[in-house]
Amino acid sequence: MRGIAVRAELTEEWKNREVGAEREYAILTADISKTTFGLTPSEYKDLKELERENLRDHMTDLELIFSMLGEAATTEITRAQDAQGFDENRTAAKKGGRIAGDARQELEKETKKTVVTPENFLAAPQKFKKIKESEP
């Protein structure tokens, strides 16, 4: 739920800052994803072998957390720099994604495990999903 709210806050910010409709939103989203994960959303969907499904529905907890961090950081940078128009917002998107990407790489270095994975949450065994759903 919070991930949806973070995304909505970001897109509302873009709307108020003279960013065009869906095409420009898609470019900015791809910039955040590329700098956070090293993959655009379409490349990410290919990795997870998704076709028309929602990528976020198939992300692991860590993937969602870093996605949210990239979007939240972008929102904060956009506001702090009073970014206006597509080009300034694109710069902010790359900076926000880089913050999340750096954090992701630090975690991967410490755990010696990659965050980006073809693992698909919805394809996880039912037993695992029930455990996750019952956690506080």
Protein backbone atom coordinates (compact mmCIF):
# COMPACT_ATOMS: atom_id res chain seq x y z
CA MET A 1 0.00 0.00 0.00
CA ARG A 2 2.77 2.46 0.86
CA GLY A 3 4.47 1.71 -2.45
CA ILE A 4 1.34 2.80 -4.28
CA ALA A 5 1.17 5.98 -2.20
CA VAL A 6 4.85 6.79 -2.86
CA ARG A 7 4.31 6.31 -6.60
CA ALA A 8 1.15 8.43 -6.59
CA GLU A 9 2.93 11.23 -4.75
CA LEU A 10 5.72 11.19 -7.34
CA THR A 11 3.40 11.25 -10.34
CA GLU A 12 1.36 14.06 -8.75
CA GLU A 13 4.60 16.01 -8.32
CA TRP A 14 5.45 15.47 -12.00
CA LYS A 15 1.98 16.55 -13.02
CA ASN A 16 2.39 19.79 -11.08
CA ARG A 17 5.82 20.43 -12.59
CA GLU A 18 4.97 20.49 -16.28
CA VAL A 19 5.90 16.92 -17.10
CA GLY A 20 3.87 15.64 -20.05
CA ALA A 21 1.54 12.69 -19.87
CA GLU A 22 2.25 8.96 -20.02
CA ARG A 23 5.19 8.93 -22.44
CA GLU A 24 7.31 11.28 -20.31
CA TYR A 25 6.24 9.50 -17.10
CA ALA A 26 7.40 6.23 -18.68
CA ILE A 27 10.79 7.72 -19.57
CA LEU A 28 11.29 9.12 -16.06
CA THR A 29 10.20 5.82 -14.51
CA ALA A 30 12.66 3.97 -16.74
CA ASP A 31 15.43 6.35 -15.65
CA ILE A 32 14.71 5.68 -11.96
CA SER A 33 14.58 1.92 -12.54
CA LYS A 34 17.75 1.85 -14.67
CA THR A 35 19.77 3.76 -12.08
CA THR A 36 18.28 1.80 -9.17
CA PHE A 37 18.45 -1.72 -10.59
CA GLY A 38 20.46 -1.51 -13.81
CA LEU A 39 17.32 -2.50 -15.71
CA THR A 40 14.46 -0.62 -17.31
CA PRO A 41 10.97 -1.83 -16.37
CA SER A 42 10.67 -3.72 -19.68
CA GLU A 43 14.04 -5.41 -19.13
CA TYR A 44 12.97 -6.24 -15.58
CA LYS A 45 9.73 -7.80 -16.84
CA ASP A 46 11.76 -9.89 -19.30
CA LEU A 47 14.00 -11.09 -16.44
CA LYS A 48 10.94 -12.17 -14.45
CA GLU A 49 9.33 -13.66 -17.57
CA LEU A 50 6.28 -11.42 -17.33
CA GLU A 51 4.12 -10.42 -20.24
CA ARG A 52 1.23 -8.15 -19.30
CA GLU A 53 1.41 -8.55 -15.52
CA ASN A 54 2.23 -5.68 -13.17
CA LEU A 55 5.94 -5.80 -12.37
CA ARG A 56 5.50 -4.57 -8.79
CA ASP A 57 3.14 -7.46 -8.05
CA HIS A 58 6.01 -9.82 -8.81
CA MET A 59 8.83 -8.08 -6.94
CA THR A 60 10.44 -9.42 -3.79
CA ASP A 61 10.31 -7.33 -0.62
CA LEU A 62 13.78 -5.89 -1.22
CA GLU A 63 13.01 -5.07 -4.83
CA LEU A 64 9.91 -3.18 -3.71
CA ILE A 65 11.82 -1.37 -0.97
CA PHE A 66 14.52 -0.15 -3.33
CA SER A 67 11.92 0.80 -5.92
CA MET A 68 10.13 2.88 -3.27
CA LEU A 69 13.42 4.43 -2.16
CA GLY A 70 14.21 5.50 -5.72
CA GLU A 71 10.79 7.07 -6.16
CA ALA A 72 10.71 8.72 -2.72
CA ALA A 73 14.23 10.11 -3.20
CA THR A 74 13.22 11.44 -6.62
CA THR A 75 10.19 13.18 -5.10
CA GLU A 76 12.33 14.81 -2.41
CA ILE A 77 15.01 15.92 -4.90
CA THR A 78 12.35 17.26 -7.27
CA ARG A 79 10.92 19.38 -4.47
CA ALA A 80 14.27 20.51 -3.07
CA GLN A 81 15.51 21.59 -6.50
CA ASP A 82 12.10 22.90 -7.61
CA ALA A 83 12.52 20.91 -10.84
CA GLN A 84 10.30 22.20 -13.65
CA GLY A 85 9.65 20.55 -16.99
CA PHE A 86 10.82 17.26 -18.37
CA ASP A 87 14.59 17.86 -18.49
CA GLU A 88 14.95 19.05 -14.88
CA ASN A 89 12.71 16.24 -13.65
CA ARG A 90 14.75 13.73 -15.64
CA THR A 91 17.88 14.90 -13.84
CA ALA A 92 16.08 14.52 -10.50
CA ALA A 93 14.87 11.03 -11.48
CA LYS A 94 18.39 9.89 -12.27
CA LYS A 95 19.66 11.30 -8.97
CA GLY A 96 16.88 9.61 -6.99
CA GLY A 97 17.49 6.32 -8.73
CA ARG A 98 21.23 6.61 -8.11
CA ILE A 99 20.63 7.00 -4.36
CA ALA A 100 18.57 3.79 -4.34
CA GLY A 101 21.05 2.06 -6.64
CA ASP A 102 23.97 2.92 -4.37
CA ALA A 103 22.06 1.59 -1.34
CA ARG A 104 21.18 -1.61 -3.25
CA GLN A 105 24.81 -2.16 -4.19
CA GLU A 106 25.93 -1.64 -0.58
CA LEU A 107 23.45 -4.27 0.61
CA GLU A 108 24.57 -6.68 -2.12
CA LYS A 109 28.19 -6.14 -1.10
CA GLU A 110 27.42 -6.90 2.56
CA THR A 111 25.18 -9.91 1.92
CA LYS A 112 26.99 -11.22 -1.17
CA LYS A 113 23.53 -11.71 -2.71
CA THR A 114 21.86 -9.84 -5.53
CA VAL A 115 18.66 -7.93 -4.93
CA VAL A 116 17.62 -8.08 -8.58
CA THR A 117 16.35 -11.58 -9.17
CA PRO A 118 14.17 -13.52 -11.58
CA GLU A 119 12.35 -14.73 -8.44
CA ASN A 120 8.69 -14.01 -8.82
CA PHE A 121 6.73 -13.34 -5.61
CA LEU A 122 3.37 -14.43 -7.04
CA ALA A 123 4.92 -17.63 -8.33
CA ALA A 124 6.31 -18.46 -4.86
CA PRO A 125 4.95 -21.58 -3.24
CA GLN A 126 1.62 -21.00 -1.49
CA LYS A 127 3.11 -21.99 1.86
CA PHE A 128 5.71 -19.21 1.59
CA LYS A 129 3.08 -16.62 0.65
CA LYS A 130 0.91 -17.57 3.63
CA ILE A 131 3.87 -17.13 5.96
CA LYS A 132 4.62 -13.71 4.43
CA GLU A 133 0.99 -12.63 4.66
CA SER A 134 0.71 -13.61 8.32
CA GLU A 135 3.83 -11.66 9.35
CA PRO A 136 3.12 -8.34 11.13
